Amino acid sequence: MSKSSTRMFTCPKCGKDYEIEIWESINVELDPDLREKLFHNEIFKVECPHCHDVYQVVHPCLYHDPENKIMVYLIDDKIEKELEANPKIPFDVIPGYTYRYCKKIMEFVEKVRILEEGLDDRIVEMAKMFCEKQIVDSKKATLEEIEFTVYNTRRENMVEIISVLKEEPVRMQLNYEQFEEIFLREEDGYEIEPNRFVRVNRNWMLDRATREYVKNIS
């Protein structure tokens, strides 16, 4: 079941205290409305009842989708250190589940979308790296000038990736199956230890792609 709690929050603008609801876990099978709230940026949004300013309050939240067998955990630095010290999942493991963790809300929502749409997030990260390389090779921007790259949508075998630059976003339509074929040829280098939360992001993919490159040339 979904779990929430309340805590006091001080408005940064008017300085007044008020009570806010914190969703510690979300089970979208039991509470499908919370899924919609997540995608409409409402789970972490609070409005001050005094001055009506709106803020985003980041807090740990476990997203559980039993139908798609995924758990995505938005965590803070403290929980990350706990996971590093004891990587095994602190509850009964459910066979066939995908376990991921994130550190940012945008990453959290993106990860849920990728997995719920039946995509392998490792392959999506590979496609995102390809897009960034295309931008750099074409001299549209340096790697440092790419603010971030995100998965946007899927249409049949095509996925749209968006890289946000200082000037304007760059959209690329890529064939997911082609990247899937590349990934499967090198799958051994991208294995994930089961029954633990893993952060699969750009750094994760870059680290493993570098290992594969070194292995292939040595």
N, C-alpha and C. Protein backbone atom coordinates (compact mmCIF):
# COMPACT_ATOMS: atom_id res chain seq x y z
N MET A 1 0.83 -1.19 0.00
CA MET A 1 0.00 0.00 0.00
C MET A 1 0.87 1.25 0.00
N SER A 2 0.29 2.37 -0.41
CA SER A 2 1.02 3.64 -0.39
C SER A 2 1.09 4.15 1.04
N LYS A 3 2.14 4.89 1.32
CA LYS A 3 2.35 5.38 2.68
C LYS A 3 2.71 6.86 2.65
N SER A 4 2.04 7.63 3.50
CA SER A 4 2.34 9.05 3.60
C SER A 4 2.48 9.45 5.06
N SER A 5 3.09 10.59 5.26
CA SER A 5 3.23 11.15 6.61
C SER A 5 3.16 12.66 6.50
N THR A 6 3.07 13.32 7.61
CA THR A 6 3.03 14.78 7.61
C THR A 6 4.22 15.34 8.37
N ARG A 7 4.61 16.54 8.00
CA ARG A 7 5.68 17.22 8.71
C ARG A 7 5.50 18.72 8.57
N MET A 8 6.14 19.46 9.41
CA MET A 8 6.05 20.92 9.36
C MET A 8 7.05 21.46 8.35
N PHE A 9 6.62 22.46 7.63
CA PHE A 9 7.44 23.09 6.60
C PHE A 9 7.37 24.60 6.76
N THR A 10 8.51 25.26 6.67
CA THR A 10 8.56 26.71 6.78
C THR A 10 8.64 27.32 5.39
N CYS A 11 7.71 28.18 5.06
CA CYS A 11 7.67 28.80 3.74
C CYS A 11 8.90 29.71 3.58
N PRO A 12 9.70 29.50 2.53
CA PRO A 12 10.88 30.34 2.31
C PRO A 12 10.54 31.81 2.04
N LYS A 13 9.30 32.08 1.59
CA LYS A 13 8.94 33.45 1.25
C LYS A 13 8.40 34.23 2.44
N CYS A 14 7.34 33.68 3.07
CA CYS A 14 6.69 34.43 4.15
C CYS A 14 7.18 34.02 5.54
N GLY A 15 7.90 32.89 5.61
CA GLY A 15 8.46 32.46 6.89
C GLY A 15 7.49 31.78 7.83
N LYS A 16 6.26 31.54 7.38
CA LYS A 16 5.26 30.91 8.25
C LYS A 16 5.33 29.39 8.12
N ASP A 17 4.98 28.71 9.21
CA ASP A 17 5.01 27.25 9.23
C ASP A 17 3.64 26.70 8.85
N TYR A 18 3.67 25.57 8.18
CA TYR A 18 2.42 24.86 7.89
C TYR A 18 2.73 23.39 7.67
N GLU A 19 1.71 22.59 7.74
CA GLU A 19 1.88 21.13 7.65
C GLU A 19 1.76 20.69 6.20
N ILE A 20 2.67 19.80 5.76
CA ILE A 20 2.60 19.26 4.42
C ILE A 20 2.56 17.74 4.47
N GLU A 21 2.01 17.14 3.42
CA GLU A 21 1.95 15.67 3.31
C GLU A 21 3.12 15.18 2.48
N ILE A 22 3.80 14.17 2.98
CA ILE A 22 4.94 13.56 2.30
C ILE A 22 4.58 12.13 1.92
N TRP A 23 4.71 11.83 0.62
CA TRP A 23 4.46 10.46 0.17
C TRP A 23 5.78 9.68 0.22
N GLU A 24 5.87 8.77 1.18
CA GLU A 24 7.08 7.98 1.35
C GLU A 24 7.13 6.81 0.38
N SER A 25 5.97 6.28 0.02
CA SER A 25 5.90 5.21 -0.97
C SER A 25 4.58 5.31 -1.72
N ILE A 26 4.65 4.85 -2.98
CA ILE A 26 3.48 4.92 -3.86
C ILE A 26 3.29 3.55 -4.50
N ASN A 27 2.12 2.97 -4.31
CA ASN A 27 1.75 1.73 -4.98
C ASN A 27 0.69 2.08 -6.01
N VAL A 28 1.09 2.10 -7.29
CA VAL A 28 0.18 2.59 -8.31
C VAL A 28 -0.93 1.60 -8.66
N GLU A 29 -0.79 0.36 -8.22
CA GLU A 29 -1.87 -0.61 -8.42
C GLU A 29 -3.02 -0.29 -7.47
N LEU A 30 -2.69 0.10 -6.25
CA LEU A 30 -3.70 0.42 -5.25
C LEU A 30 -4.14 1.88 -5.33
N ASP A 31 -3.23 2.76 -5.75
CA ASP A 31 -3.55 4.19 -5.81
C ASP A 31 -3.12 4.76 -7.16
N PRO A 32 -3.84 4.44 -8.23
CA PRO A 32 -3.46 4.91 -9.57
C PRO A 32 -3.46 6.43 -9.71
N ASP A 33 -4.24 7.11 -8.88
CA ASP A 33 -4.28 8.58 -8.96
C ASP A 33 -2.92 9.19 -8.60
N LEU A 34 -2.14 8.49 -7.76
CA LEU A 34 -0.83 9.01 -7.38
C LEU A 34 0.14 8.95 -8.55
N ARG A 35 -0.05 8.00 -9.44
CA ARG A 35 0.78 7.94 -10.64
C ARG A 35 0.55 9.18 -11.49
N GLU A 36 -0.72 9.54 -11.65
CA GLU A 36 -1.04 10.74 -12.43
C GLU A 36 -0.49 11.99 -11.76
N LYS A 37 -0.54 12.03 -10.45
CA LYS A 37 0.00 13.19 -9.74
C LYS A 37 1.52 13.29 -9.93
N LEU A 38 2.18 12.15 -9.98
CA LEU A 38 3.63 12.16 -10.20
C LEU A 38 3.95 12.75 -11.56
N PHE A 39 3.24 12.29 -12.59
CA PHE A 39 3.52 12.76 -13.95
C PHE A 39 3.05 14.19 -14.19
N HIS A 40 2.19 14.70 -13.32
CA HIS A 40 1.74 16.09 -13.42
C HIS A 40 2.46 16.98 -12.41
N ASN A 41 3.59 16.46 -11.88
CA ASN A 41 4.45 17.24 -10.99
C ASN A 41 3.72 17.73 -9.74
N GLU A 42 2.89 16.85 -9.17
CA GLU A 42 2.12 17.24 -7.99
C GLU A 42 2.55 16.52 -6.71
N ILE A 43 3.27 15.43 -6.84
CA ILE A 43 3.67 14.67 -5.65
C ILE A 43 4.61 15.47 -4.77
N PHE A 44 5.51 16.21 -5.38
CA PHE A 44 6.53 16.94 -4.61
C PHE A 44 6.24 18.45 -4.54
N LYS A 45 5.05 18.84 -5.01
CA LYS A 45 4.70 20.26 -5.03
C LYS A 45 3.84 20.61 -3.82
N VAL A 46 4.19 21.70 -3.17
CA VAL A 46 3.39 22.18 -2.03
C VAL A 46 3.09 23.66 -2.24
N GLU A 47 1.94 24.08 -1.74
CA GLU A 47 1.54 25.49 -1.83
C GLU A 47 1.33 26.05 -0.44
N CYS A 48 1.97 27.16 -0.18
CA CYS A 48 1.84 27.80 1.13
C CYS A 48 0.41 28.32 1.29
N PRO A 49 -0.30 27.94 2.36
CA PRO A 49 -1.68 28.41 2.57
C PRO A 49 -1.74 29.88 2.99
N HIS A 50 -0.59 30.45 3.31
CA HIS A 50 -0.56 31.84 3.77
C HIS A 50 -0.29 32.82 2.63
N CYS A 51 0.81 32.60 1.88
CA CYS A 51 1.15 33.52 0.78
C CYS A 51 0.91 32.91 -0.59
N HIS A 52 0.59 31.59 -0.60
CA HIS A 52 0.23 30.85 -1.83
C HIS A 52 1.39 30.69 -2.81
N ASP A 53 2.61 30.88 -2.34
CA ASP A 53 3.76 30.53 -3.17
C ASP A 53 3.86 29.01 -3.27
N VAL A 54 4.35 28.53 -4.41
CA VAL A 54 4.43 27.08 -4.66
C VAL A 54 5.89 26.66 -4.66
N TYR A 55 6.17 25.54 -4.01
CA TYR A 55 7.55 25.05 -3.91
C TYR A 55 7.60 23.56 -4.24
N GLN A 56 8.78 23.13 -4.60
CA GLN A 56 9.03 21.71 -4.82
C GLN A 56 9.85 21.20 -3.64
N VAL A 57 9.27 20.27 -2.90
CA VAL A 57 9.93 19.72 -1.73
C VAL A 57 10.39 18.30 -2.06
N VAL A 58 11.70 18.13 -2.16
CA VAL A 58 12.27 16.83 -2.52
C VAL A 58 12.40 15.97 -1.27
N HIS A 59 11.93 14.75 -1.36
CA HIS A 59 12.01 13.81 -0.23
C HIS A 59 12.06 12.39 -0.77
N PRO A 60 12.62 11.45 0.00
CA PRO A 60 12.67 10.06 -0.46
C PRO A 60 11.27 9.51 -0.75
N CYS A 61 11.18 8.74 -1.83
CA CYS A 61 9.88 8.18 -2.22
C CYS A 61 10.13 6.90 -3.02
N LEU A 62 9.44 5.83 -2.63
CA LEU A 62 9.56 4.54 -3.32
C LEU A 62 8.34 4.35 -4.22
N TYR A 63 8.59 4.22 -5.51
CA TYR A 63 7.52 4.01 -6.50
C TYR A 63 7.42 2.52 -6.81
N HIS A 64 6.24 1.95 -6.61
CA HIS A 64 6.05 0.51 -6.79
C HIS A 64 4.94 0.27 -7.82
N ASP A 65 5.29 -0.41 -8.90
CA ASP A 65 4.33 -0.77 -9.94
C ASP A 65 4.32 -2.29 -10.05
N PRO A 66 3.39 -2.96 -9.35
CA PRO A 66 3.35 -4.43 -9.37
C PRO A 66 3.09 -5.03 -10.75
N GLU A 67 2.28 -4.36 -11.56
CA GLU A 67 1.95 -4.91 -12.88
C GLU A 67 3.18 -4.99 -13.77
N ASN A 68 3.97 -3.93 -13.76
CA ASN A 68 5.18 -3.91 -14.59
C ASN A 68 6.42 -4.41 -13.85
N LYS A 69 6.24 -4.80 -12.60
CA LYS A 69 7.31 -5.35 -11.77
C LYS A 69 8.52 -4.42 -11.68
N ILE A 70 8.26 -3.21 -11.26
CA ILE A 70 9.35 -2.26 -11.07
C ILE A 70 9.23 -1.55 -9.72
N MET A 71 10.38 -1.23 -9.15
CA MET A 71 10.46 -0.36 -7.99
C MET A 71 11.54 0.67 -8.29
N VAL A 72 11.16 1.93 -8.21
CA VAL A 72 12.10 3.03 -8.44
C VAL A 72 12.10 3.88 -7.18
N TYR A 73 13.29 4.11 -6.65
CA TYR A 73 13.45 4.74 -5.35
C TYR A 73 14.14 6.10 -5.51
N LEU A 74 13.46 7.17 -5.15
CA LEU A 74 14.08 8.49 -5.11
C LEU A 74 14.69 8.64 -3.72
N ILE A 75 16.00 8.83 -3.66
CA ILE A 75 16.68 8.81 -2.37
C ILE A 75 17.51 10.08 -2.16
N ASP A 76 17.98 10.24 -0.93
CA ASP A 76 18.89 11.33 -0.60
C ASP A 76 20.29 10.76 -0.34
N ASP A 77 21.23 11.62 0.03
CA ASP A 77 22.61 11.17 0.25
C ASP A 77 22.71 10.15 1.38
N LYS A 78 21.90 10.34 2.42
CA LYS A 78 21.94 9.43 3.57
C LYS A 78 21.55 8.01 3.16
N ILE A 79 20.44 7.89 2.43
CA ILE A 79 19.98 6.57 2.00
C ILE A 79 20.96 5.95 1.02
N GLU A 80 21.57 6.78 0.16
CA GLU A 80 22.55 6.26 -0.79
C GLU A 80 23.73 5.62 -0.05
N LYS A 81 24.20 6.26 1.01
CA LYS A 81 25.30 5.70 1.79
C LYS A 81 24.88 4.39 2.45
N GLU A 82 23.64 4.32 2.90
CA GLU A 82 23.13 3.09 3.51
C GLU A 82 23.06 1.96 2.48
N LEU A 83 22.64 2.30 1.25
CA LEU A 83 22.57 1.29 0.19
C LEU A 83 23.96 0.81 -0.21
N GLU A 84 24.93 1.73 -0.20
CA GLU A 84 26.30 1.36 -0.53
C GLU A 84 26.90 0.44 0.54
N ALA A 85 26.55 0.72 1.81
CA ALA A 85 27.06 -0.09 2.91
C ALA A 85 26.38 -1.46 2.96
N ASN A 86 25.09 -1.48 2.63
CA ASN A 86 24.34 -2.73 2.66
C ASN A 86 23.45 -2.78 1.42
N PRO A 87 24.01 -3.19 0.27
CA PRO A 87 23.31 -3.10 -1.01
C PRO A 87 22.10 -4.00 -1.17
N LYS A 88 21.96 -5.02 -0.32
CA LYS A 88 20.81 -5.91 -0.47
C LYS A 88 19.52 -5.17 -0.10
N ILE A 89 18.47 -5.47 -0.86
CA ILE A 89 17.19 -4.80 -0.64
C ILE A 89 16.64 -5.16 0.74
N PRO A 90 16.23 -4.13 1.52
CA PRO A 90 15.82 -4.35 2.91
C PRO A 90 14.39 -4.86 3.09
N PHE A 91 13.91 -5.70 2.17
CA PHE A 91 12.60 -6.33 2.31
C PHE A 91 12.60 -7.57 1.43
N ASP A 92 11.54 -8.34 1.51
CA ASP A 92 11.48 -9.58 0.73
C ASP A 92 11.55 -9.27 -0.77
N VAL A 93 12.51 -9.87 -1.43
CA VAL A 93 12.71 -9.64 -2.86
C VAL A 93 11.63 -10.37 -3.65
N ILE A 94 11.11 -9.69 -4.67
CA ILE A 94 10.10 -10.29 -5.53
C ILE A 94 10.77 -10.68 -6.85
N PRO A 95 10.74 -11.95 -7.21
CA PRO A 95 11.42 -12.40 -8.44
C PRO A 95 10.92 -11.65 -9.68
N GLY A 96 11.86 -11.35 -10.58
CA GLY A 96 11.50 -10.71 -11.83
C GLY A 96 11.37 -9.20 -11.79
N TYR A 97 11.63 -8.61 -10.63
CA TYR A 97 11.49 -7.16 -10.51
C TYR A 97 12.74 -6.43 -10.98
N THR A 98 12.55 -5.20 -11.45
CA THR A 98 13.64 -4.28 -11.75
C THR A 98 13.70 -3.25 -10.63
N TYR A 99 14.89 -3.09 -10.03
CA TYR A 99 15.08 -2.16 -8.92
C TYR A 99 16.05 -1.06 -9.33
N ARG A 100 15.59 0.18 -9.24
CA ARG A 100 16.45 1.31 -9.59
C ARG A 100 16.33 2.40 -8.51
N TYR A 101 17.39 3.20 -8.41
CA TYR A 101 17.27 4.38 -7.55
C TYR A 101 17.73 5.61 -8.30
N CYS A 102 17.24 6.77 -7.88
CA CYS A 102 17.53 8.05 -8.51
C CYS A 102 17.82 9.08 -7.43
N LYS A 103 18.45 10.21 -7.84
CA LYS A 103 18.77 11.27 -6.88
C LYS A 103 18.04 12.58 -7.19
N LYS A 104 17.42 12.66 -8.37
CA LYS A 104 16.73 13.89 -8.77
C LYS A 104 15.31 13.55 -9.22
N ILE A 105 14.39 14.50 -9.03
CA ILE A 105 12.99 14.26 -9.38
C ILE A 105 12.83 14.02 -10.87
N MET A 106 13.49 14.81 -11.71
CA MET A 106 13.36 14.62 -13.16
C MET A 106 13.85 13.24 -13.57
N GLU A 107 14.96 12.81 -12.99
CA GLU A 107 15.50 11.48 -13.25
C GLU A 107 14.53 10.40 -12.78
N PHE A 108 13.92 10.62 -11.64
CA PHE A 108 12.95 9.70 -11.03
C PHE A 108 11.75 9.48 -11.96
N VAL A 109 11.16 10.58 -12.42
CA VAL A 109 9.98 10.49 -13.30
C VAL A 109 10.36 9.86 -14.64
N GLU A 110 11.51 10.25 -15.18
CA GLU A 110 11.98 9.68 -16.45
C GLU A 110 12.17 8.17 -16.32
N LYS A 111 12.78 7.74 -15.22
CA LYS A 111 13.06 6.32 -15.03
C LYS A 111 11.77 5.51 -14.97
N VAL A 112 10.78 6.03 -14.27
CA VAL A 112 9.48 5.34 -14.18
C VAL A 112 8.87 5.21 -15.58
N ARG A 113 8.91 6.27 -16.36
CA ARG A 113 8.33 6.25 -17.71
C ARG A 113 9.05 5.23 -18.60
N ILE A 114 10.36 5.23 -18.55
CA ILE A 114 11.14 4.30 -19.39
C ILE A 114 10.77 2.86 -19.07
N LEU A 115 10.76 2.52 -17.80
CA LEU A 115 10.50 1.14 -17.40
C LEU A 115 9.04 0.74 -17.61
N GLU A 116 8.11 1.65 -17.37
CA GLU A 116 6.70 1.32 -17.57
C GLU A 116 6.37 1.15 -19.05
N GLU A 117 7.16 1.76 -19.92
CA GLU A 117 6.92 1.61 -21.35
C GLU A 117 7.64 0.39 -21.92
N GLY A 118 8.19 -0.43 -21.03
CA GLY A 118 8.77 -1.70 -21.45
C GLY A 118 10.16 -1.59 -22.06
N LEU A 119 10.85 -0.47 -21.83
CA LEU A 119 12.18 -0.28 -22.37
C LEU A 119 13.23 -0.67 -21.33
N ASP A 120 14.40 -1.03 -21.81
CA ASP A 120 15.53 -1.31 -20.94
C ASP A 120 16.27 0.01 -20.73
N ASP A 121 16.35 0.49 -19.51
CA ASP A 121 16.95 1.80 -19.26
C ASP A 121 18.44 1.83 -19.61
N ARG A 122 19.10 0.68 -19.61
CA ARG A 122 20.51 0.64 -20.02
C ARG A 122 20.65 0.96 -21.50
N ILE A 123 19.72 0.45 -22.29
CA ILE A 123 19.73 0.72 -23.73
C ILE A 123 19.38 2.18 -24.00
N VAL A 124 18.45 2.71 -23.24
CA VAL A 124 18.09 4.13 -23.40
C VAL A 124 19.27 5.02 -23.06
N GLU A 125 20.01 4.68 -22.01
CA GLU A 125 21.20 5.47 -21.66
C GLU A 125 22.25 5.39 -22.77
N MET A 126 22.35 4.23 -23.41
CA MET A 126 23.27 4.08 -24.53
C MET A 126 22.85 4.99 -25.68
N ALA A 127 21.55 5.05 -25.95
CA ALA A 127 21.04 5.90 -27.01
C ALA A 127 21.26 7.38 -26.68
N LYS A 128 21.11 7.74 -25.42
CA LYS A 128 21.33 9.13 -25.00
C LYS A 128 22.80 9.52 -25.19
N MET A 129 23.72 8.61 -24.88
CA MET A 129 25.14 8.89 -25.09
C MET A 129 25.45 9.05 -26.58
N PHE A 130 24.80 8.25 -27.41
CA PHE A 130 24.98 8.37 -28.86
C PHE A 130 24.55 9.76 -29.33
N CYS A 131 23.41 10.25 -28.82
CA CYS A 131 22.92 11.57 -29.20
C CYS A 131 23.91 12.66 -28.82
N GLU A 132 24.45 12.56 -27.63
CA GLU A 132 25.42 13.56 -27.18
C GLU A 132 26.68 13.52 -28.04
N LYS A 133 27.10 12.33 -28.43
CA LYS A 133 28.28 12.21 -29.29
C LYS A 133 28.02 12.83 -30.66
N GLN A 134 26.80 12.65 -31.19
CA GLN A 134 26.44 13.24 -32.47
C GLN A 134 26.49 14.76 -32.40
N ILE A 135 26.02 15.31 -31.31
CA ILE A 135 26.02 16.76 -31.13
C ILE A 135 27.45 17.29 -31.06
N VAL A 136 28.29 16.61 -30.30
CA VAL A 136 29.69 17.04 -30.16
C VAL A 136 30.43 16.89 -31.48
N ASP A 137 30.24 15.75 -32.17
CA ASP A 137 30.94 15.50 -33.43
C ASP A 137 30.53 16.50 -34.52
N SER A 138 29.28 16.94 -34.48
CA SER A 138 28.79 17.90 -35.48
C SER A 138 29.11 19.34 -35.09
N LYS A 139 29.75 19.49 -33.90
CA LYS A 139 30.18 20.80 -33.40
C LYS A 139 29.02 21.74 -33.09
N LYS A 140 27.86 21.15 -32.80
CA LYS A 140 26.74 21.98 -32.37
C LYS A 140 26.94 22.49 -30.95
N ALA A 141 27.67 21.72 -30.18
CA ALA A 141 27.95 22.11 -28.79
C ALA A 141 29.04 21.19 -28.24
N THR A 142 29.71 21.66 -27.22
CA THR A 142 30.65 20.80 -26.51
C THR A 142 29.87 19.98 -25.50
N LEU A 143 30.50 18.97 -24.96
CA LEU A 143 29.83 18.13 -23.96
C LEU A 143 29.42 18.96 -22.75
N GLU A 144 30.26 19.94 -22.37
CA GLU A 144 29.96 20.78 -21.22
C GLU A 144 28.76 21.70 -21.48
N GLU A 145 28.50 21.99 -22.75
CA GLU A 145 27.38 22.88 -23.10
C GLU A 145 26.05 22.15 -23.17
N ILE A 146 26.08 20.83 -23.11
CA ILE A 146 24.83 20.05 -23.06
C ILE A 146 24.37 20.01 -21.61
N GLU A 147 23.26 20.68 -21.32
CA GLU A 147 22.80 20.78 -19.94
C GLU A 147 22.31 19.43 -19.42
N PHE A 148 21.50 18.75 -20.22
CA PHE A 148 21.09 17.39 -19.88
C PHE A 148 20.44 16.74 -21.10
N THR A 149 20.36 15.42 -21.08
CA THR A 149 19.74 14.65 -22.16
C THR A 149 18.71 13.71 -21.54
N VAL A 150 17.52 13.70 -22.11
CA VAL A 150 16.43 12.92 -21.52
C VAL A 150 15.70 12.10 -22.58
N TYR A 151 15.10 11.01 -22.11
CA TYR A 151 14.18 10.23 -22.94
C TYR A 151 12.85 10.98 -22.96
N ASN A 152 12.25 11.08 -24.15
CA ASN A 152 10.99 11.81 -24.25
C ASN A 152 9.79 10.91 -24.50
N THR A 153 9.83 10.15 -25.59
CA THR A 153 8.66 9.34 -25.90
C THR A 153 9.04 8.17 -26.81
N ARG A 154 8.11 7.22 -26.93
CA ARG A 154 8.31 6.06 -27.79
C ARG A 154 7.14 5.93 -28.75
N ARG A 155 7.47 5.71 -30.02
CA ARG A 155 6.45 5.44 -31.03
C ARG A 155 6.89 4.20 -31.80
N GLU A 156 6.21 3.09 -31.53
CA GLU A 156 6.56 1.80 -32.11
C GLU A 156 8.03 1.50 -31.82
N ASN A 157 8.87 1.36 -32.86
CA ASN A 157 10.28 1.01 -32.63
C ASN A 157 11.18 2.23 -32.44
N MET A 158 10.60 3.43 -32.54
CA MET A 158 11.40 4.64 -32.45
C MET A 158 11.28 5.28 -31.07
N VAL A 159 12.40 5.79 -30.58
CA VAL A 159 12.38 6.55 -29.34
C VAL A 159 12.93 7.94 -29.63
N GLU A 160 12.35 8.93 -28.96
CA GLU A 160 12.83 10.30 -29.12
C GLU A 160 13.66 10.70 -27.92
N ILE A 161 14.85 11.18 -28.20
CA ILE A 161 15.77 11.65 -27.17
C ILE A 161 15.95 13.16 -27.36
N ILE A 162 15.94 13.90 -26.26
CA ILE A 162 16.10 15.35 -26.32
C ILE A 162 17.33 15.76 -25.52
N SER A 163 18.25 16.47 -26.17
CA SER A 163 19.40 17.06 -25.49
C SER A 163 19.14 18.56 -25.37
N VAL A 164 19.22 19.06 -24.16
CA VAL A 164 18.95 20.48 -23.92
C VAL A 164 20.27 21.26 -23.92
N LEU A 165 20.38 22.19 -24.86
CA LEU A 165 21.55 23.03 -24.97
C LEU A 165 21.20 24.44 -24.50
N LYS A 166 22.20 25.29 -24.41
CA LYS A 166 21.94 26.68 -24.00
C LYS A 166 21.11 27.41 -25.05
N GLU A 167 21.34 27.07 -26.32
CA GLU A 167 20.63 27.75 -27.40
C GLU A 167 19.21 27.20 -27.56
N GLU A 168 19.11 25.92 -27.89
CA GLU A 168 17.82 25.29 -28.12
C GLU A 168 17.97 23.77 -27.99
N PRO A 169 16.86 23.07 -27.71
CA PRO A 169 16.96 21.61 -27.58
C PRO A 169 17.17 20.93 -28.93
N VAL A 170 17.87 19.81 -28.89
CA VAL A 170 18.08 18.99 -30.08
C VAL A 170 17.31 17.70 -29.91
N ARG A 171 16.42 17.41 -30.85
CA ARG A 171 15.60 16.19 -30.80
C ARG A 171 16.11 15.18 -31.82
N MET A 172 16.23 13.94 -31.39
CA MET A 172 16.66 12.88 -32.30
C MET A 172 15.71 11.69 -32.19
N GLN A 173 15.31 11.17 -33.34
CA GLN A 173 14.50 9.96 -33.41
C GLN A 173 15.44 8.79 -33.71
N LEU A 174 15.45 7.81 -32.82
CA LEU A 174 16.37 6.68 -32.96
C LEU A 174 15.60 5.36 -32.98
N ASN A 175 16.16 4.41 -33.72
CA ASN A 175 15.56 3.08 -33.77
C ASN A 175 16.00 2.29 -32.54
N TYR A 176 15.08 2.03 -31.65
CA TYR A 176 15.41 1.35 -30.39
C TYR A 176 15.96 -0.05 -30.64
N GLU A 177 15.41 -0.76 -31.61
CA GLU A 177 15.84 -2.13 -31.87
C GLU A 177 17.30 -2.19 -32.32
N GLN A 178 17.76 -1.18 -33.04
CA GLN A 178 19.17 -1.16 -33.46
C GLN A 178 20.09 -1.05 -32.26
N PHE A 179 19.73 -0.21 -31.30
CA PHE A 179 20.54 -0.08 -30.09
C PHE A 179 20.42 -1.34 -29.23
N GLU A 180 19.27 -1.97 -29.28
CA GLU A 180 19.08 -3.22 -28.55
C GLU A 180 20.02 -4.30 -29.09
N GLU A 181 20.18 -4.36 -30.41
CA GLU A 181 21.08 -5.33 -31.02
C GLU A 181 22.53 -5.07 -30.59
N ILE A 182 22.93 -3.80 -30.58
CA ILE A 182 24.29 -3.45 -30.13
C ILE A 182 24.48 -3.84 -28.68
N PHE A 183 23.48 -3.55 -27.88
CA PHE A 183 23.56 -3.84 -26.45
C PHE A 183 23.69 -5.34 -26.20
N LEU A 184 22.89 -6.13 -26.89
CA LEU A 184 22.90 -7.58 -26.67
C LEU A 184 24.24 -8.20 -27.05
N ARG A 185 24.93 -7.61 -28.01
CA ARG A 185 26.25 -8.13 -28.40
C ARG A 185 27.28 -7.89 -27.28
N GLU A 186 27.03 -6.87 -26.47
CA GLU A 186 27.97 -6.51 -25.41
C GLU A 186 27.36 -6.65 -24.02
N GLU A 187 26.28 -7.42 -23.92
CA GLU A 187 25.47 -7.45 -22.70
C GLU A 187 26.27 -7.82 -21.46
N ASP A 188 27.26 -8.69 -21.61
CA ASP A 188 28.03 -9.14 -20.44
C ASP A 188 28.67 -7.97 -19.70
N GLY A 189 29.01 -6.93 -20.44
CA GLY A 189 29.65 -5.77 -19.80
C GLY A 189 28.69 -4.85 -19.09
N TYR A 190 27.39 -5.10 -19.25
CA TYR A 190 26.39 -4.20 -18.68
C TYR A 190 25.44 -4.93 -17.72
N GLU A 191 25.91 -6.05 -17.21
CA GLU A 191 25.08 -6.82 -16.28
C GLU A 191 24.88 -6.04 -14.98
N ILE A 192 23.74 -6.31 -14.34
CA ILE A 192 23.42 -5.68 -13.06
C ILE A 192 23.22 -6.78 -12.03
N GLU A 193 23.85 -6.61 -10.90
CA GLU A 193 23.68 -7.60 -9.84
C GLU A 193 22.22 -7.60 -9.40
N PRO A 194 21.57 -8.76 -9.34
CA PRO A 194 20.15 -8.80 -8.99
C PRO A 194 19.91 -8.49 -7.51
N ASN A 195 18.67 -8.17 -7.22
CA ASN A 195 18.19 -8.00 -5.85
C ASN A 195 18.87 -6.84 -5.11
N ARG A 196 19.13 -5.77 -5.85
CA ARG A 196 19.66 -4.57 -5.22
C ARG A 196 19.25 -3.35 -6.05
N PHE A 197 19.14 -2.21 -5.39
CA PHE A 197 18.83 -0.98 -6.10
C PHE A 197 20.10 -0.45 -6.78
N VAL A 198 19.98 -0.09 -8.05
CA VAL A 198 21.10 0.39 -8.84
C VAL A 198 20.70 1.71 -9.50
N ARG A 199 21.66 2.64 -9.56
CA ARG A 199 21.41 3.89 -10.27
C ARG A 199 21.99 3.77 -11.68
N VAL A 200 21.12 3.54 -12.64
CA VAL A 200 21.54 3.45 -14.04
C VAL A 200 21.33 4.82 -14.67
N ASN A 201 22.43 5.55 -14.84
CA ASN A 201 22.36 6.88 -15.43
C ASN A 201 23.53 7.06 -16.39
N ARG A 202 23.78 8.30 -16.78
CA ARG A 202 24.85 8.57 -17.73
C ARG A 202 26.21 8.10 -17.20
N ASN A 203 26.49 8.39 -15.94
CA ASN A 203 27.79 8.00 -15.36
C ASN A 203 27.95 6.48 -15.34
N TRP A 204 26.86 5.79 -15.01
CA TRP A 204 26.89 4.32 -14.98
C TRP A 204 27.22 3.77 -16.37
N MET A 205 26.53 4.30 -17.39
CA MET A 205 26.75 3.82 -18.75
C MET A 205 28.13 4.20 -19.26
N LEU A 206 28.59 5.42 -18.97
CA LEU A 206 29.90 5.86 -19.42
C LEU A 206 31.00 4.99 -18.81
N ASP A 207 30.86 4.65 -17.54
CA ASP A 207 31.85 3.82 -16.87
C ASP A 207 31.95 2.45 -17.53
N ARG A 208 30.80 1.86 -17.82
CA ARG A 208 30.81 0.51 -18.40
C ARG A 208 31.20 0.53 -19.88
N ALA A 209 30.81 1.58 -20.59
CA ALA A 209 31.22 1.68 -21.99
C ALA A 209 32.74 1.84 -22.09
N THR A 210 33.33 2.57 -21.16
CA THR A 210 34.78 2.73 -21.13
C THR A 210 35.47 1.40 -20.85
N ARG A 211 34.91 0.62 -19.91
CA ARG A 211 35.48 -0.70 -19.61
C ARG A 211 35.44 -1.59 -20.84
N GLU A 212 34.30 -1.56 -21.56
CA GLU A 212 34.17 -2.40 -22.75
C GLU A 212 35.18 -1.98 -23.83
N TYR A 213 35.37 -0.68 -23.96
CA TYR A 213 36.34 -0.18 -24.96
C TYR A 213 37.75 -0.65 -24.62
N VAL A 214 38.13 -0.50 -23.37
CA VAL A 214 39.46 -0.92 -22.93
C VAL A 214 39.65 -2.42 -23.12
N LYS A 215 38.62 -3.17 -22.80
CA LYS A 215 38.70 -4.64 -22.93
C LYS A 215 38.86 -5.04 -24.39
N ASN A 216 38.17 -4.34 -25.29
CA ASN A 216 38.22 -4.71 -26.70
C ASN A 216 39.53 -4.35 -27.38
N ILE A 217 40.23 -3.32 -26.88
CA ILE A 217 41.49 -2.93 -27.52
C ILE A 217 42.71 -3.55 -26.85
N SER A 218 42.50 -4.20 -25.71
CA SER A 218 43.65 -4.79 -25.01
C SER A 218 43.89 -6.24 -25.44
